[in-house]
Amino acid sequence: MTGRLVAVNVVHALIPDVLGPLDNTAIDKRPVEGRVAVSVPGDAGVGLEGDQIYDRKDHGGPDQAIYAYAGEDLAWWAAELGREIPAGAFGENLTTKGLDVTGAVIGERWQIGADGVLLEVTAPRIPCRTFQGWMGEPQWVKRFTAHGAPGAYLRILSPGTVGAGDAIEVVDPPEHGVTIGDVFVIRRAPADGLLRMLEMPGLHDELAHAARRDLAARSR
């Protein structure tokens, strides 16, 4: 599968976290022009040059270095909400086109552009009250969850630069077949796929815990 980058988005400004647990949030991401450096997160917890993580307890780090969301899903929400939803509006770093982000297999890799960037899909985004406050929509967390298109977090395997228009090629999809959409609503994921997913090296800790808990519940 191949797609392309519609936009690369980094923090525009820190804004008040009106419903979340902190005073501010870095969810206000907007597109930037030109090439943007991608590097393994250091102390700041970010993967893109110019970006920022404010809530380092629950965001950022190696397994959440970059957040991607499909432009097609933004367009669906724009129609649903009756207002413009521009690139970056969901706090995503990468806005894609032509890529099934919800159908991305946990552990698959995205090769982006020609500058060596290689990312690995790690987990879905779990909506929170900060997201609710930012969107200003009633029952936003419930509605976002019900739609089932959470976007994907990615870890950085190889650094480089990315820019709008870059091709995205999916490589090395794992055979377990468990997708972002499956683990977002984990009870829908096939048990055999979860078992094989748990054998993956470097599986996101919270995802591994959720899979084991779900499998234990099924065996009762």
N, C-alpha and C. Protein backbone atom coordinates (compact mmCIF):
# COMPACT_ATOMS: atom_id res chain seq x y z
N MET A 1 0.85 -1.19 0.00
CA MET A 1 0.00 0.00 0.00
C MET A 1 0.88 1.24 0.00
N THR A 2 0.46 2.23 -0.76
CA THR A 2 1.18 3.49 -0.77
C THR A 2 0.20 4.66 -0.57
N GLY A 3 0.69 5.72 0.00
CA GLY A 3 -0.08 6.94 0.18
C GLY A 3 0.88 8.10 0.07
N ARG A 4 0.45 9.25 0.59
CA ARG A 4 1.36 10.39 0.59
C ARG A 4 1.03 11.29 1.77
N LEU A 5 1.98 12.16 2.10
CA LEU A 5 1.78 13.14 3.15
C LEU A 5 1.04 14.36 2.58
N VAL A 6 -0.05 14.72 3.21
CA VAL A 6 -0.75 15.94 2.86
C VAL A 6 -0.13 17.13 3.59
N ALA A 7 0.25 16.90 4.85
CA ALA A 7 0.82 17.98 5.66
C ALA A 7 1.66 17.41 6.77
N VAL A 8 2.65 18.19 7.17
CA VAL A 8 3.46 17.92 8.36
C VAL A 8 3.14 19.03 9.35
N ASN A 9 2.71 18.65 10.55
CA ASN A 9 2.17 19.62 11.51
C ASN A 9 2.96 19.60 12.81
N VAL A 10 3.28 20.79 13.31
CA VAL A 10 3.93 20.91 14.62
C VAL A 10 3.17 21.94 15.44
N VAL A 11 3.52 22.04 16.72
CA VAL A 11 2.77 22.92 17.61
C VAL A 11 2.83 24.37 17.14
N HIS A 12 1.66 25.01 17.14
CA HIS A 12 1.57 26.42 16.77
C HIS A 12 1.77 27.31 18.00
N ALA A 13 1.10 26.93 19.08
CA ALA A 13 1.22 27.67 20.34
C ALA A 13 0.65 26.81 21.45
N LEU A 14 1.17 26.98 22.65
CA LEU A 14 0.54 26.36 23.81
C LEU A 14 -0.75 27.12 24.10
N ILE A 15 -1.80 26.35 24.41
CA ILE A 15 -3.10 26.95 24.70
C ILE A 15 -3.62 26.37 26.01
N PRO A 16 -4.59 27.04 26.66
CA PRO A 16 -5.14 26.50 27.91
C PRO A 16 -5.79 25.13 27.72
N ASP A 17 -5.52 24.25 28.66
CA ASP A 17 -6.13 22.91 28.66
C ASP A 17 -7.44 23.02 29.45
N VAL A 18 -8.52 23.37 28.75
CA VAL A 18 -9.74 23.80 29.43
C VAL A 18 -10.46 22.66 30.17
N LEU A 19 -10.29 21.42 29.72
CA LEU A 19 -10.95 20.29 30.40
C LEU A 19 -9.97 19.26 30.94
N GLY A 20 -8.72 19.29 30.46
CA GLY A 20 -7.74 18.29 30.85
C GLY A 20 -7.11 18.58 32.19
N PRO A 21 -6.11 17.77 32.57
CA PRO A 21 -5.54 17.86 33.91
C PRO A 21 -4.46 18.92 34.09
N LEU A 22 -3.99 19.53 33.00
CA LEU A 22 -2.87 20.47 33.09
C LEU A 22 -3.32 21.89 32.77
N ASP A 23 -2.43 22.85 32.98
CA ASP A 23 -2.79 24.23 32.69
C ASP A 23 -2.77 24.53 31.20
N ASN A 24 -1.85 23.89 30.47
CA ASN A 24 -1.72 24.13 29.03
C ASN A 24 -1.65 22.81 28.27
N THR A 25 -1.77 22.92 26.95
CA THR A 25 -1.64 21.77 26.08
C THR A 25 -0.97 22.19 24.77
N ALA A 26 -0.28 21.25 24.14
CA ALA A 26 0.36 21.50 22.85
C ALA A 26 -0.42 20.86 21.71
N ILE A 27 -1.73 20.69 21.88
CA ILE A 27 -2.55 20.01 20.87
C ILE A 27 -2.76 20.85 19.61
N ASP A 28 -2.52 22.16 19.70
CA ASP A 28 -2.74 23.05 18.55
C ASP A 28 -1.59 22.91 17.56
N LYS A 29 -1.75 21.96 16.63
CA LYS A 29 -0.73 21.70 15.61
C LYS A 29 -1.19 22.25 14.26
N ARG A 30 -0.24 22.82 13.52
CA ARG A 30 -0.58 23.38 12.21
C ARG A 30 0.51 23.06 11.20
N PRO A 31 0.14 23.03 9.90
CA PRO A 31 1.12 22.66 8.87
C PRO A 31 2.29 23.64 8.79
N VAL A 32 3.45 23.08 8.46
CA VAL A 32 4.64 23.89 8.22
C VAL A 32 5.16 23.58 6.82
N GLU A 33 5.82 24.54 6.23
CA GLU A 33 6.35 24.37 4.89
C GLU A 33 7.76 23.80 4.93
N GLY A 34 8.15 23.23 3.80
CA GLY A 34 9.52 22.74 3.65
C GLY A 34 9.74 21.39 4.32
N ARG A 35 11.01 21.03 4.43
CA ARG A 35 11.40 19.76 5.04
C ARG A 35 11.48 19.91 6.55
N VAL A 36 11.03 18.89 7.26
CA VAL A 36 11.05 18.89 8.72
C VAL A 36 11.88 17.70 9.19
N ALA A 37 12.81 17.96 10.09
CA ALA A 37 13.69 16.89 10.59
C ALA A 37 12.92 15.93 11.49
N VAL A 38 13.17 14.64 11.29
CA VAL A 38 12.60 13.57 12.11
C VAL A 38 13.76 12.91 12.85
N SER A 39 13.64 12.84 14.17
CA SER A 39 14.72 12.22 14.94
C SER A 39 14.15 11.48 16.13
N VAL A 40 14.90 10.50 16.62
CA VAL A 40 14.47 9.71 17.78
C VAL A 40 14.31 10.64 18.96
N PRO A 41 13.17 10.56 19.69
CA PRO A 41 12.92 11.51 20.78
C PRO A 41 14.01 11.50 21.84
N GLY A 42 14.41 12.69 22.27
CA GLY A 42 15.32 12.83 23.39
C GLY A 42 14.54 13.23 24.63
N ASP A 43 15.12 14.08 25.44
CA ASP A 43 14.47 14.50 26.68
C ASP A 43 13.15 15.23 26.45
N ALA A 44 13.03 15.91 25.30
CA ALA A 44 11.81 16.66 25.02
C ALA A 44 10.65 15.75 24.63
N GLY A 45 10.95 14.51 24.26
CA GLY A 45 9.90 13.54 23.96
C GLY A 45 9.25 13.67 22.60
N VAL A 46 9.80 14.51 21.71
CA VAL A 46 9.17 14.74 20.41
C VAL A 46 10.01 14.13 19.29
N GLY A 47 9.33 13.86 18.16
CA GLY A 47 10.01 13.26 17.02
C GLY A 47 10.20 14.20 15.86
N LEU A 48 9.49 15.34 15.85
CA LEU A 48 9.59 16.31 14.75
C LEU A 48 10.21 17.61 15.24
N GLU A 49 11.13 18.14 14.47
CA GLU A 49 11.73 19.42 14.80
C GLU A 49 10.65 20.51 14.86
N GLY A 50 10.66 21.30 15.91
CA GLY A 50 9.70 22.38 16.05
C GLY A 50 8.44 21.99 16.79
N ASP A 51 8.29 20.70 17.09
CA ASP A 51 7.11 20.27 17.83
C ASP A 51 7.38 20.36 19.33
N GLN A 52 6.35 20.12 20.13
CA GLN A 52 6.49 20.20 21.58
C GLN A 52 5.49 19.26 22.24
N ILE A 53 5.90 18.63 23.33
CA ILE A 53 5.02 17.83 24.18
C ILE A 53 4.90 18.54 25.51
N TYR A 54 3.68 18.82 25.94
CA TYR A 54 3.49 19.49 27.23
C TYR A 54 3.20 18.47 28.33
N ASP A 55 2.33 17.52 28.03
CA ASP A 55 1.99 16.46 28.99
C ASP A 55 2.90 15.27 28.75
N ARG A 56 4.07 15.28 29.35
CA ARG A 56 5.05 14.22 29.10
C ARG A 56 4.73 12.93 29.85
N LYS A 57 3.77 13.00 30.77
CA LYS A 57 3.38 11.79 31.49
C LYS A 57 2.59 10.85 30.57
N ASP A 58 1.73 11.41 29.74
CA ASP A 58 0.83 10.59 28.93
C ASP A 58 1.10 10.68 27.44
N HIS A 59 2.03 11.53 27.01
CA HIS A 59 2.28 11.70 25.58
C HIS A 59 3.78 11.73 25.31
N GLY A 60 4.10 11.48 24.05
CA GLY A 60 5.50 11.53 23.64
C GLY A 60 6.27 10.28 24.02
N GLY A 61 7.58 10.34 23.85
CA GLY A 61 8.43 9.18 24.11
C GLY A 61 8.58 8.32 22.86
N PRO A 62 9.41 7.30 22.92
CA PRO A 62 9.73 6.50 21.73
C PRO A 62 8.53 5.88 21.03
N ASP A 63 7.53 5.40 21.80
CA ASP A 63 6.39 4.71 21.19
C ASP A 63 5.30 5.66 20.71
N GLN A 64 5.38 6.93 21.07
CA GLN A 64 4.41 7.92 20.63
C GLN A 64 5.14 9.14 20.06
N ALA A 65 6.21 8.87 19.33
CA ALA A 65 7.04 9.95 18.82
C ALA A 65 6.31 10.80 17.79
N ILE A 66 5.44 10.15 17.01
CA ILE A 66 4.71 10.82 15.93
C ILE A 66 3.29 10.29 15.91
N TYR A 67 2.33 11.18 15.65
CA TYR A 67 0.93 10.78 15.54
C TYR A 67 0.44 11.10 14.14
N ALA A 68 -0.17 10.11 13.49
CA ALA A 68 -0.66 10.27 12.12
C ALA A 68 -2.17 10.10 12.07
N TYR A 69 -2.80 10.89 11.21
CA TYR A 69 -4.24 10.77 11.01
C TYR A 69 -4.55 10.92 9.52
N ALA A 70 -5.53 10.16 9.06
CA ALA A 70 -5.86 10.15 7.63
C ALA A 70 -6.67 11.37 7.24
N GLY A 71 -6.29 12.00 6.15
CA GLY A 71 -7.04 13.14 5.64
C GLY A 71 -8.47 12.77 5.28
N GLU A 72 -8.67 11.52 4.84
CA GLU A 72 -10.02 11.07 4.51
C GLU A 72 -10.92 11.06 5.76
N ASP A 73 -10.33 10.71 6.91
CA ASP A 73 -11.11 10.70 8.15
C ASP A 73 -11.37 12.13 8.64
N LEU A 74 -10.42 13.03 8.43
CA LEU A 74 -10.69 14.44 8.74
C LEU A 74 -11.85 14.96 7.89
N ALA A 75 -11.88 14.57 6.61
CA ALA A 75 -12.96 15.01 5.73
C ALA A 75 -14.30 14.44 6.18
N TRP A 76 -14.30 13.20 6.67
CA TRP A 76 -15.54 12.60 7.18
C TRP A 76 -16.06 13.40 8.37
N TRP A 77 -15.14 13.77 9.27
CA TRP A 77 -15.55 14.54 10.44
C TRP A 77 -15.99 15.95 10.06
N ALA A 78 -15.38 16.54 9.05
CA ALA A 78 -15.79 17.87 8.61
C ALA A 78 -17.25 17.84 8.14
N ALA A 79 -17.61 16.79 7.39
CA ALA A 79 -19.00 16.65 6.94
C ALA A 79 -19.92 16.38 8.11
N GLU A 80 -19.48 15.55 9.03
CA GLU A 80 -20.30 15.18 10.19
C GLU A 80 -20.55 16.38 11.10
N LEU A 81 -19.54 17.20 11.30
CA LEU A 81 -19.65 18.33 12.23
C LEU A 81 -20.12 19.61 11.56
N GLY A 82 -20.08 19.61 10.23
CA GLY A 82 -20.52 20.80 9.51
C GLY A 82 -19.58 21.98 9.64
N ARG A 83 -18.29 21.70 9.76
CA ARG A 83 -17.30 22.78 9.83
C ARG A 83 -15.98 22.28 9.28
N GLU A 84 -15.12 23.21 8.96
CA GLU A 84 -13.82 22.84 8.40
C GLU A 84 -12.96 22.16 9.46
N ILE A 85 -12.31 21.09 9.06
CA ILE A 85 -11.34 20.41 9.93
C ILE A 85 -10.02 20.38 9.16
N PRO A 86 -9.17 21.37 9.35
CA PRO A 86 -7.92 21.44 8.57
C PRO A 86 -6.88 20.43 9.06
N ALA A 87 -5.86 20.24 8.26
CA ALA A 87 -4.74 19.38 8.66
C ALA A 87 -4.17 19.87 9.98
N GLY A 88 -3.91 18.92 10.88
CA GLY A 88 -3.37 19.23 12.19
C GLY A 88 -4.42 19.46 13.26
N ALA A 89 -5.70 19.56 12.85
CA ALA A 89 -6.76 19.93 13.80
C ALA A 89 -7.00 18.88 14.88
N PHE A 90 -6.62 17.63 14.63
CA PHE A 90 -6.77 16.59 15.64
C PHE A 90 -5.48 16.41 16.45
N GLY A 91 -4.55 17.35 16.29
CA GLY A 91 -3.29 17.26 17.00
C GLY A 91 -2.30 16.32 16.35
N GLU A 92 -2.59 15.93 15.10
CA GLU A 92 -1.70 14.97 14.43
C GLU A 92 -0.47 15.67 13.85
N ASN A 93 0.63 14.95 13.84
CA ASN A 93 1.87 15.44 13.23
C ASN A 93 1.89 15.21 11.73
N LEU A 94 1.35 14.08 11.29
CA LEU A 94 1.33 13.73 9.88
C LEU A 94 -0.12 13.55 9.43
N THR A 95 -0.52 14.31 8.44
CA THR A 95 -1.82 14.11 7.81
C THR A 95 -1.58 13.38 6.49
N THR A 96 -2.26 12.24 6.32
CA THR A 96 -1.98 11.37 5.17
C THR A 96 -3.14 11.37 4.19
N LYS A 97 -2.88 10.85 3.01
CA LYS A 97 -3.92 10.62 2.01
C LYS A 97 -3.62 9.30 1.31
N GLY A 98 -4.67 8.52 1.07
CA GLY A 98 -4.51 7.26 0.35
C GLY A 98 -3.97 6.13 1.18
N LEU A 99 -3.92 6.30 2.49
CA LEU A 99 -3.38 5.29 3.40
C LEU A 99 -4.47 4.90 4.39
N ASP A 100 -4.70 3.61 4.56
CA ASP A 100 -5.70 3.13 5.51
C ASP A 100 -5.07 3.11 6.90
N VAL A 101 -5.14 4.23 7.59
CA VAL A 101 -4.49 4.33 8.90
C VAL A 101 -5.20 3.43 9.92
N THR A 102 -6.52 3.38 9.91
CA THR A 102 -7.25 2.51 10.83
C THR A 102 -6.93 1.05 10.56
N GLY A 103 -6.68 0.71 9.32
CA GLY A 103 -6.34 -0.66 8.94
C GLY A 103 -4.87 -0.98 9.01
N ALA A 104 -4.05 -0.04 9.50
CA ALA A 104 -2.61 -0.30 9.62
C ALA A 104 -2.37 -1.41 10.64
N VAL A 105 -1.52 -2.35 10.31
CA VAL A 105 -1.21 -3.47 11.20
C VAL A 105 -0.18 -3.02 12.24
N ILE A 106 -0.43 -3.36 13.49
CA ILE A 106 0.52 -3.04 14.55
C ILE A 106 1.88 -3.64 14.19
N GLY A 107 2.89 -2.79 14.14
CA GLY A 107 4.23 -3.25 13.79
C GLY A 107 4.61 -3.05 12.34
N GLU A 108 3.64 -2.68 11.48
CA GLU A 108 4.03 -2.40 10.09
C GLU A 108 4.88 -1.14 10.04
N ARG A 109 5.63 -1.01 8.97
CA ARG A 109 6.55 0.12 8.85
C ARG A 109 6.19 1.00 7.67
N TRP A 110 6.38 2.29 7.88
CA TRP A 110 6.11 3.27 6.83
C TRP A 110 7.43 3.91 6.40
N GLN A 111 7.75 3.75 5.14
CA GLN A 111 8.91 4.41 4.56
C GLN A 111 8.42 5.69 3.89
N ILE A 112 8.91 6.82 4.35
CA ILE A 112 8.39 8.11 3.91
C ILE A 112 9.45 8.89 3.16
N GLY A 113 9.11 9.32 1.94
CA GLY A 113 10.01 10.13 1.15
C GLY A 113 11.27 9.40 0.74
N ALA A 114 12.27 10.16 0.37
CA ALA A 114 13.52 9.59 -0.13
C ALA A 114 14.71 9.93 0.75
N ASP A 115 14.43 10.37 1.99
CA ASP A 115 15.51 10.80 2.87
C ASP A 115 15.76 9.82 4.01
N GLY A 116 15.24 8.59 3.87
CA GLY A 116 15.58 7.54 4.82
C GLY A 116 14.66 7.38 6.00
N VAL A 117 13.57 8.16 6.11
CA VAL A 117 12.70 8.06 7.28
C VAL A 117 11.93 6.75 7.26
N LEU A 118 12.01 6.02 8.37
CA LEU A 118 11.28 4.77 8.53
C LEU A 118 10.60 4.80 9.89
N LEU A 119 9.27 4.64 9.89
CA LEU A 119 8.47 4.68 11.11
C LEU A 119 7.79 3.33 11.30
N GLU A 120 7.42 3.03 12.55
CA GLU A 120 6.74 1.78 12.87
C GLU A 120 5.45 2.07 13.63
N VAL A 121 4.35 1.49 13.19
CA VAL A 121 3.05 1.68 13.84
C VAL A 121 3.04 0.98 15.19
N THR A 122 2.67 1.73 16.25
CA THR A 122 2.74 1.16 17.60
C THR A 122 1.39 1.01 18.28
N ALA A 123 0.47 1.97 18.13
CA ALA A 123 -0.77 1.92 18.92
C ALA A 123 -1.75 2.97 18.42
N PRO A 124 -3.04 2.81 18.74
CA PRO A 124 -4.01 3.85 18.42
C PRO A 124 -3.98 4.99 19.42
N ARG A 125 -4.49 6.13 19.03
CA ARG A 125 -4.68 7.24 19.94
C ARG A 125 -5.92 6.97 20.80
N ILE A 126 -5.83 7.19 22.07
CA ILE A 126 -6.97 7.09 22.98
C ILE A 126 -7.43 8.51 23.29
N PRO A 127 -8.66 8.88 22.91
CA PRO A 127 -9.12 10.27 23.12
C PRO A 127 -9.25 10.60 24.60
N CYS A 128 -9.02 11.87 24.92
CA CYS A 128 -9.01 12.30 26.32
C CYS A 128 -9.77 13.61 26.46
N ARG A 129 -9.87 14.09 27.69
CA ARG A 129 -10.61 15.32 27.95
C ARG A 129 -9.92 16.55 27.36
N THR A 130 -8.60 16.50 27.22
CA THR A 130 -7.89 17.60 26.56
C THR A 130 -8.38 17.73 25.12
N PHE A 131 -8.52 16.61 24.43
CA PHE A 131 -9.03 16.58 23.05
C PHE A 131 -10.46 17.10 23.02
N GLN A 132 -11.27 16.69 23.99
CA GLN A 132 -12.65 17.17 24.10
C GLN A 132 -12.69 18.69 24.22
N GLY A 133 -11.86 19.24 25.12
CA GLY A 133 -11.85 20.68 25.31
C GLY A 133 -11.39 21.43 24.07
N TRP A 134 -10.42 20.87 23.37
CA TRP A 134 -9.89 21.50 22.17
C TRP A 134 -10.93 21.54 21.06
N MET A 135 -11.69 20.44 20.89
CA MET A 135 -12.68 20.37 19.82
C MET A 135 -13.93 21.17 20.14
N GLY A 136 -14.29 21.26 21.43
CA GLY A 136 -15.48 22.02 21.81
C GLY A 136 -16.77 21.41 21.30
N GLU A 137 -16.78 20.10 21.11
CA GLU A 137 -17.97 19.40 20.63
C GLU A 137 -18.58 18.59 21.77
N PRO A 138 -19.92 18.57 21.90
CA PRO A 138 -20.53 17.80 22.97
C PRO A 138 -20.26 16.31 22.82
N GLN A 139 -19.95 15.65 23.94
CA GLN A 139 -19.70 14.20 23.98
C GLN A 139 -18.65 13.78 22.95
N TRP A 140 -17.62 14.62 22.79
CA TRP A 140 -16.65 14.38 21.73
C TRP A 140 -15.90 13.06 21.91
N VAL A 141 -15.46 12.76 23.12
CA VAL A 141 -14.72 11.51 23.34
C VAL A 141 -15.57 10.31 22.95
N LYS A 142 -16.82 10.32 23.35
CA LYS A 142 -17.73 9.21 23.03
C LYS A 142 -17.94 9.10 21.52
N ARG A 143 -18.14 10.21 20.85
CA ARG A 143 -18.39 10.20 19.41
C ARG A 143 -17.15 9.80 18.62
N PHE A 144 -16.00 10.31 19.04
CA PHE A 144 -14.75 9.94 18.37
C PHE A 144 -14.49 8.45 18.51
N THR A 145 -14.72 7.92 19.70
CA THR A 145 -14.52 6.49 19.94
C THR A 145 -15.49 5.65 19.12
N ALA A 146 -16.76 6.06 19.07
CA ALA A 146 -17.76 5.29 18.35
C ALA A 146 -17.46 5.22 16.85
N HIS A 147 -16.88 6.28 16.30
CA HIS A 147 -16.56 6.27 14.87
C HIS A 147 -15.45 5.27 14.55
N GLY A 148 -14.54 5.06 15.49
CA GLY A 148 -13.54 4.00 15.33
C GLY A 148 -12.39 4.30 14.41
N ALA A 149 -12.06 5.56 14.20
CA ALA A 149 -10.90 5.94 13.38
C ALA A 149 -9.97 6.78 14.25
N PRO A 150 -9.14 6.12 15.09
CA PRO A 150 -8.38 6.86 16.10
C PRO A 150 -7.08 7.47 15.63
N GLY A 151 -6.61 7.11 14.45
CA GLY A 151 -5.26 7.51 14.06
C GLY A 151 -4.24 6.60 14.71
N ALA A 152 -2.98 6.75 14.31
CA ALA A 152 -1.93 5.84 14.76
C ALA A 152 -0.72 6.58 15.30
N TYR A 153 -0.21 6.07 16.42
CA TYR A 153 1.10 6.50 16.91
C TYR A 153 2.18 5.67 16.23
N LEU A 154 3.35 6.31 16.06
CA LEU A 154 4.47 5.64 15.41
C LEU A 154 5.77 5.91 16.16
N ARG A 155 6.65 4.91 16.15
CA ARG A 155 8.01 5.12 16.66
C ARG A 155 8.94 5.33 15.47
N ILE A 156 10.06 5.97 15.72
CA ILE A 156 11.02 6.31 14.67
C ILE A 156 12.12 5.27 14.66
N LEU A 157 12.24 4.58 13.54
CA LEU A 157 13.31 3.58 13.38
C LEU A 157 14.52 4.17 12.68
N SER A 158 14.28 5.08 11.77
CA SER A 158 15.39 5.70 11.02
C SER A 158 15.06 7.17 10.81
N PRO A 159 15.96 8.08 11.19
CA PRO A 159 15.69 9.52 11.07
C PRO A 159 15.90 10.03 9.65
N GLY A 160 15.58 11.30 9.47
CA GLY A 160 15.74 11.95 8.18
C GLY A 160 14.90 13.20 8.16
N THR A 161 14.29 13.51 7.02
CA THR A 161 13.38 14.64 6.92
C THR A 161 12.13 14.21 6.16
N VAL A 162 11.02 14.92 6.44
CA VAL A 162 9.77 14.68 5.72
C VAL A 162 9.18 16.02 5.29
N GLY A 163 8.30 15.95 4.29
CA GLY A 163 7.63 17.16 3.82
C GLY A 163 6.35 16.81 3.11
N ALA A 164 5.45 17.77 3.02
CA ALA A 164 4.19 17.56 2.31
C ALA A 164 4.47 17.10 0.88
N GLY A 165 3.72 16.11 0.44
CA GLY A 165 3.91 15.55 -0.89
C GLY A 165 4.74 14.28 -0.92
N ASP A 166 5.45 13.98 0.17
CA ASP A 166 6.26 12.75 0.22
C ASP A 166 5.38 11.52 0.06
N ALA A 167 5.89 10.53 -0.64
CA ALA A 167 5.22 9.24 -0.74
C ALA A 167 5.40 8.47 0.56
N ILE A 168 4.39 7.68 0.91
CA ILE A 168 4.45 6.78 2.06
C ILE A 168 4.25 5.37 1.55
N GLU A 169 5.21 4.52 1.79
CA GLU A 169 5.12 3.12 1.38
C GLU A 169 5.07 2.23 2.61
N VAL A 170 4.07 1.35 2.67
CA VAL A 170 3.96 0.41 3.77
C VAL A 170 4.84 -0.80 3.47
N VAL A 171 5.74 -1.12 4.40
CA VAL A 171 6.65 -2.25 4.22
C VAL A 171 6.60 -3.14 5.47
N ASP A 172 6.93 -4.39 5.28
CA ASP A 172 7.08 -5.37 6.36
C ASP A 172 5.86 -5.47 7.28
N PRO A 173 4.64 -5.63 6.73
CA PRO A 173 3.48 -5.81 7.63
C PRO A 173 3.56 -7.15 8.34
N PRO A 174 3.43 -7.18 9.67
CA PRO A 174 3.50 -8.45 10.42
C PRO A 174 2.35 -9.39 10.04
N GLU A 175 2.60 -10.68 10.19
CA GLU A 175 1.62 -11.68 9.79
C GLU A 175 0.46 -11.81 10.76
N HIS A 176 0.58 -11.26 11.99
CA HIS A 176 -0.52 -11.42 12.94
C HIS A 176 -1.78 -10.70 12.49
N GLY A 177 -1.66 -9.64 11.68
CA GLY A 177 -2.81 -8.99 11.07
C GLY A 177 -3.65 -8.13 11.98
N VAL A 178 -3.25 -7.92 13.23
CA VAL A 178 -4.05 -7.10 14.15
C VAL A 178 -3.81 -5.63 13.83
N THR A 179 -4.90 -4.90 13.61
CA THR A 179 -4.81 -3.54 13.13
C THR A 179 -5.04 -2.50 14.23
N ILE A 180 -4.76 -1.26 13.88
CA ILE A 180 -5.08 -0.13 14.76
C ILE A 180 -6.55 -0.16 15.16
N GLY A 181 -7.43 -0.37 14.20
CA GLY A 181 -8.85 -0.43 14.48
C GLY A 181 -9.22 -1.58 15.39
N ASP A 182 -8.55 -2.74 15.23
CA ASP A 182 -8.82 -3.90 16.08
C ASP A 182 -8.50 -3.61 17.54
N VAL A 183 -7.34 -3.04 17.79
CA VAL A 183 -6.93 -2.86 19.18
C VAL A 183 -7.57 -1.62 19.81
N PHE A 184 -8.09 -0.71 18.97
CA PHE A 184 -8.85 0.41 19.52
C PHE A 184 -10.12 -0.10 20.19
N VAL A 185 -10.73 -1.12 19.59
CA VAL A 185 -11.86 -1.82 20.21
C VAL A 185 -11.41 -3.27 20.35
N ILE A 186 -10.63 -3.53 21.39
CA ILE A 186 -9.82 -4.75 21.43
C ILE A 186 -10.66 -6.02 21.49
N ARG A 187 -11.87 -5.93 21.97
CA ARG A 187 -12.71 -7.13 22.04
C ARG A 187 -13.05 -7.66 20.65
N ARG A 188 -12.90 -6.82 19.63
CA ARG A 188 -13.17 -7.24 18.26
C ARG A 188 -11.98 -7.93 17.62
N ALA A 189 -10.80 -7.82 18.22
CA ALA A 189 -9.59 -8.39 17.63
C ALA A 189 -9.61 -9.91 17.77
N PRO A 190 -9.18 -10.67 16.77
CA PRO A 190 -9.13 -12.12 16.88
C PRO A 190 -8.11 -12.56 17.91
N ALA A 191 -8.48 -13.55 18.72
CA ALA A 191 -7.60 -13.99 19.80
C ALA A 191 -6.27 -14.52 19.27
N ASP A 192 -6.30 -15.27 18.17
CA ASP A 192 -5.04 -15.82 17.65
C ASP A 192 -4.12 -14.71 17.17
N GLY A 193 -4.71 -13.64 16.61
CA GLY A 193 -3.90 -12.51 16.18
C GLY A 193 -3.27 -11.79 17.36
N LEU A 194 -4.04 -11.62 18.44
CA LEU A 194 -3.48 -10.98 19.64
C LEU A 194 -2.33 -11.79 20.21
N LEU A 195 -2.48 -13.11 20.23
CA LEU A 195 -1.41 -13.97 20.75
C LEU A 195 -0.14 -13.81 19.92
N ARG A 196 -0.28 -13.77 18.62
CA ARG A 196 0.90 -13.59 17.77
C ARG A 196 1.47 -12.18 17.90
N MET A 197 0.59 -11.20 18.08
CA MET A 197 1.06 -9.84 18.28
C MET A 197 1.90 -9.74 19.54
N LEU A 198 1.51 -10.45 20.59
CA LEU A 198 2.24 -10.41 21.85
C LEU A 198 3.65 -10.99 21.73
N GLU A 199 3.91 -11.72 20.69
CA GLU A 199 5.26 -12.28 20.46
C GLU A 199 6.20 -11.26 19.81
N MET A 200 5.64 -10.13 19.37
CA MET A 200 6.47 -9.11 18.71
C MET A 200 7.46 -8.49 19.67
N PRO A 201 8.71 -8.34 19.28
CA PRO A 201 9.65 -7.59 20.13
C PRO A 201 9.30 -6.11 20.13
N GLY A 202 9.43 -5.48 21.28
CA GLY A 202 9.22 -4.05 21.37
C GLY A 202 7.78 -3.60 21.31
N LEU A 203 6.83 -4.51 21.59
CA LEU A 203 5.42 -4.13 21.57
C LEU A 203 5.16 -3.06 22.63
N HIS A 204 4.36 -2.06 22.28
CA HIS A 204 4.01 -0.97 23.20
C HIS A 204 3.45 -1.56 24.51
N ASP A 205 4.00 -1.13 25.66
CA ASP A 205 3.67 -1.75 26.95
C ASP A 205 2.17 -1.71 27.25
N GLU A 206 1.55 -0.56 27.05
CA GLU A 206 0.12 -0.44 27.37
C GLU A 206 -0.72 -1.32 26.45
N LEU A 207 -0.31 -1.45 25.21
CA LEU A 207 -1.03 -2.31 24.28
C LEU A 207 -0.88 -3.77 24.67
N ALA A 208 0.33 -4.17 25.05
CA ALA A 208 0.55 -5.55 25.50
C ALA A 208 -0.29 -5.87 26.73
N HIS A 209 -0.36 -4.91 27.66
CA HIS A 209 -1.17 -5.11 28.87
C HIS A 209 -2.65 -5.27 28.51
N ALA A 210 -3.13 -4.42 27.61
CA ALA A 210 -4.54 -4.50 27.20
C ALA A 210 -4.85 -5.82 26.51
N ALA A 211 -3.93 -6.29 25.67
CA ALA A 211 -4.14 -7.57 24.98
C ALA A 211 -4.18 -8.74 25.95
N ARG A 212 -3.26 -8.75 26.91
CA ARG A 212 -3.25 -9.84 27.90
C ARG A 212 -4.51 -9.82 28.75
N ARG A 213 -4.93 -8.63 29.14
CA ARG A 213 -6.14 -8.51 29.96
C ARG A 213 -7.36 -9.00 29.19
N ASP A 214 -7.44 -8.64 27.90
CA ASP A 214 -8.57 -9.06 27.09
C ASP A 214 -8.56 -10.58 26.89
N LEU A 215 -7.42 -11.15 26.61
CA LEU A 215 -7.33 -12.59 26.43
C LEU A 215 -7.69 -13.34 27.71
N ALA A 216 -7.28 -12.80 28.85
CA ALA A 216 -7.62 -13.42 30.13
C ALA A 216 -9.13 -13.39 30.35
N ALA A 217 -9.77 -12.27 29.98
CA ALA A 217 -11.21 -12.15 30.16
C ALA A 217 -11.95 -13.14 29.26
N ARG A 218 -11.43 -13.38 28.08
CA ARG A 218 -12.10 -14.32 27.15
C ARG A 218 -12.00 -15.76 27.66
N SER A 219 -10.95 -16.05 28.42
CA SER A 219 -10.74 -17.44 28.86
C SER A 219 -11.53 -17.80 30.11
N ARG A 220 -12.17 -16.83 30.74
CA ARG A 220 -12.92 -17.10 31.96
C ARG A 220 -14.19 -17.88 31.65
